[in-house]
Amino acid sequence: LLLIGFFTFVRLQDLRQELNHTGQLIANQLAPASEYGVVTDNAAVLEALLDATLAIPHVRFLEIQDQTDRRVAYVEQRAGDGHRSAHVEVFQAPIQIRGAFLEDHQAQVQQHLGSASSGDYLGRVLVGMSDDAFSQRQQEILFKAGVLALFALLFTYLLARRLARSLA
């Protein structure tokens, strides 16, 4: 029973890490992709990028902010898109100027940054991930562990009973 408890705990921890890793990976991939749209203040490019990313399962909302934390673009799942949990994990990644982009768009970058000395920081990407999938998988894991524990207890009971009969 202790082993069942330990392995169940480990599986739940792995599941939580997988959710965190997925959310952060989406934010990390979206940040460099949104660099051009932030520098050029091209809301259409950013909206198209966010709409495409919103198709990823369990993504609840996406937001891009500039270096002053002003919302540049925002999209979210519609209210009628199935079951919605109350809990959302938020992941973020900085939008930074890459060397090749800076060389190709020097004038636009200087105009966008103005006199602010924020270095290569352009803003940030926020990704809200629903934990519905985590909750569902958690329930499945706990159910399977409970069934396995019941079978282990039943087997132990039957074995103890058989041993008691042979000793009596």
Protein backbone atom coordinates (compact mmCIF):
# COMPACT_ATOMS: atom_id res chain seq x y z
CA LEU A 1 0.00 0.00 0.00
CA LEU A 2 2.88 2.34 0.72
CA LEU A 3 4.33 1.67 -2.72
CA ILE A 4 0.96 2.35 -4.35
CA GLY A 5 0.76 5.64 -2.45
CA PHE A 6 4.32 6.59 -3.40
CA PHE A 7 3.91 5.80 -7.09
CA THR A 8 0.57 7.62 -7.21
CA PHE A 9 2.17 10.69 -5.66
CA VAL A 10 5.04 10.55 -8.17
CA ARG A 11 2.62 10.25 -11.11
CA LEU A 12 0.65 13.26 -9.87
CA GLN A 13 3.86 15.28 -9.52
CA ASP A 14 4.88 14.32 -13.06
CA LEU A 15 1.47 15.37 -14.31
CA ARG A 16 1.80 18.79 -12.63
CA GLN A 17 5.30 19.22 -14.09
CA GLU A 18 4.00 18.35 -17.55
CA LEU A 19 1.31 21.04 -17.30
CA ASN A 20 3.84 23.62 -16.11
CA HIS A 21 6.33 22.64 -18.80
CA THR A 22 3.69 22.87 -21.55
CA GLY A 23 2.48 26.31 -20.45
CA GLN A 24 5.99 27.72 -20.16
CA LEU A 25 6.98 26.21 -23.50
CA ILE A 26 4.04 27.93 -25.22
CA ALA A 27 5.02 31.26 -23.65
CA ASN A 28 8.69 30.79 -24.60
CA GLN A 29 7.80 30.00 -28.22
CA LEU A 30 5.28 32.82 -28.54
CA ALA A 31 7.63 35.52 -27.23
CA PRO A 32 10.14 35.58 -30.13
CA ALA A 33 7.33 35.07 -32.65
CA SER A 34 5.60 38.24 -31.43
CA GLU A 35 8.72 40.40 -31.55
CA TYR A 36 7.98 41.89 -34.99
CA GLY A 37 4.36 42.69 -34.13
CA VAL A 38 5.34 44.47 -30.92
CA VAL A 39 8.08 46.57 -32.52
CA THR A 40 5.90 47.60 -35.46
CA ASP A 41 2.74 47.97 -33.34
CA ASN A 42 1.01 45.67 -35.80
CA ALA A 43 -2.05 44.48 -33.89
CA ALA A 44 -3.32 42.40 -36.83
CA VAL A 45 -0.16 40.27 -36.88
CA LEU A 46 -0.30 39.80 -33.12
CA GLU A 47 -4.02 38.90 -33.14
CA ALA A 48 -3.46 36.33 -35.91
CA LEU A 49 -0.56 34.82 -33.97
CA LEU A 50 -2.58 34.66 -30.76
CA ASP A 51 -5.65 33.22 -32.52
CA ALA A 52 -3.53 30.41 -33.96
CA THR A 53 -1.99 29.70 -30.56
CA LEU A 54 -5.41 29.72 -28.89
CA ALA A 55 -6.21 26.52 -30.83
CA ILE A 56 -3.79 24.60 -28.56
CA PRO A 57 -5.80 22.48 -26.10
CA HIS A 58 -6.30 23.89 -22.60
CA VAL A 59 -5.06 27.39 -23.45
CA ARG A 60 -7.58 29.73 -21.83
CA PHE A 61 -6.18 33.16 -22.75
CA LEU A 62 -3.17 34.85 -24.34
CA GLU A 63 -1.95 38.38 -23.79
CA ILE A 64 0.93 40.45 -25.13
CA GLN A 65 2.09 43.51 -23.20
CA ASP A 66 4.62 46.12 -24.21
CA GLN A 67 7.54 47.30 -22.08
CA THR A 68 5.24 49.59 -20.06
CA ASP A 69 2.87 46.65 -19.31
CA ARG A 70 0.23 48.13 -21.62
CA ARG A 71 -1.93 45.46 -23.26
CA VAL A 72 -1.08 45.28 -26.95
CA ALA A 73 -3.13 42.18 -27.85
CA TYR A 74 -5.45 39.84 -25.98
CA VAL A 75 -7.54 36.80 -26.92
CA GLU A 76 -9.42 34.26 -24.84
CA GLN A 77 -11.62 31.21 -25.27
CA ARG A 78 -15.27 32.00 -25.79
CA ALA A 79 -17.56 31.40 -22.83
CA GLY A 80 -19.50 28.65 -24.62
CA ASP A 81 -16.47 26.45 -25.33
CA GLY A 82 -17.31 23.61 -22.96
CA HIS A 83 -16.55 23.18 -19.27
CA ARG A 84 -14.45 25.92 -17.72
CA SER A 85 -12.58 25.54 -14.48
CA ALA A 86 -12.13 28.34 -12.00
CA HIS A 87 -8.38 27.79 -11.76
CA VAL A 88 -5.97 29.04 -14.43
CA GLU A 89 -2.17 28.79 -14.35
CA VAL A 90 -0.46 31.84 -15.85
CA PHE A 91 2.92 31.57 -17.56
CA GLN A 92 5.01 34.43 -18.90
CA ALA A 93 8.05 34.98 -21.08
CA PRO A 94 9.88 38.20 -21.97
CA ILE A 95 9.86 39.54 -25.51
CA GLN A 96 13.42 40.56 -26.28
CA ILE A 97 15.16 41.90 -29.35
CA ARG A 98 17.28 39.34 -31.13
CA GLY A 99 20.47 40.39 -32.91
CA ALA A 100 19.36 39.55 -36.45
CA PHE A 101 16.05 41.35 -36.00
CA LEU A 102 17.80 44.40 -34.57
CA GLU A 103 20.11 44.64 -37.59
CA ASP A 104 17.25 44.37 -40.09
CA HIS A 105 14.87 46.81 -38.32
CA GLN A 106 17.18 49.25 -36.55
CA ALA A 107 15.08 52.35 -37.22
CA GLN A 108 11.79 50.78 -36.11
CA VAL A 109 13.35 49.41 -32.95
CA GLN A 110 14.83 52.79 -32.02
CA GLN A 111 11.51 54.50 -32.70
CA HIS A 112 9.63 51.93 -30.61
CA LEU A 113 12.03 52.04 -27.69
CA GLY A 114 12.33 55.82 -27.83
CA SER A 115 14.45 57.22 -25.03
CA ALA A 116 13.58 54.42 -22.60
CA SER A 117 16.68 52.53 -21.62
CA SER A 118 15.07 49.15 -21.12
CA GLY A 119 17.83 47.33 -22.95
CA ASP A 120 16.51 44.67 -25.27
CA TYR A 121 13.22 44.17 -23.38
CA LEU A 122 10.16 44.86 -25.56
CA GLY A 123 7.43 43.41 -23.37
CA ARG A 124 6.07 40.07 -22.29
CA VAL A 125 3.74 37.28 -23.27
CA LEU A 126 1.19 35.88 -20.79
CA VAL A 127 -0.35 32.45 -21.34
CA GLY A 128 -3.28 31.25 -19.23
CA MET A 129 -3.64 27.46 -19.12
CA SER A 130 -6.73 25.76 -17.73
CA ASP A 131 -6.11 22.98 -15.23
CA ASP A 132 -9.17 21.02 -16.42
CA ALA A 133 -6.97 18.41 -18.06
CA PHE A 134 -4.86 18.12 -14.91
CA SER A 135 -7.94 17.61 -12.74
CA GLN A 136 -9.38 14.98 -15.05
CA ARG A 137 -6.10 13.07 -15.28
CA GLN A 138 -5.63 13.39 -11.52
CA GLN A 139 -9.02 11.78 -10.92
CA GLU A 140 -8.17 8.95 -13.33
CA ILE A 141 -4.87 8.28 -11.59
CA LEU A 142 -6.46 8.34 -8.13
CA PHE A 143 -9.25 6.01 -9.27
CA LYS A 144 -6.78 3.50 -10.74
CA ALA A 145 -4.63 3.67 -7.59
CA GLY A 146 -7.72 3.10 -5.42
CA VAL A 147 -8.77 0.05 -7.45
CA LEU A 148 -5.23 -1.32 -7.30
CA ALA A 149 -5.13 -0.78 -3.53
CA LEU A 150 -8.46 -2.58 -3.11
CA PHE A 151 -7.19 -5.54 -5.11
CA ALA A 152 -4.00 -5.59 -3.04
CA LEU A 153 -6.02 -5.57 0.19
CA LEU A 154 -8.35 -8.31 -1.10
CA PHE A 155 -5.40 -10.44 -2.17
CA THR A 156 -3.72 -9.93 1.22
CA TYR A 157 -6.94 -10.86 3.04
CA LEU A 158 -7.39 -14.02 0.97
CA LEU A 159 -3.75 -15.00 1.45
CA ALA A 160 -3.94 -14.42 5.23
CA ARG A 161 -7.16 -16.39 5.45
CA ARG A 162 -5.67 -19.29 3.51
CA LEU A 163 -2.56 -19.30 5.71
CA ALA A 164 -4.72 -19.19 8.86
CA ARG A 165 -6.68 -22.24 7.67
CA SER A 166 -3.56 -24.22 6.90
CA LEU A 167 -2.08 -23.43 10.34
CA ALA A 168 -5.27 -24.32 12.23
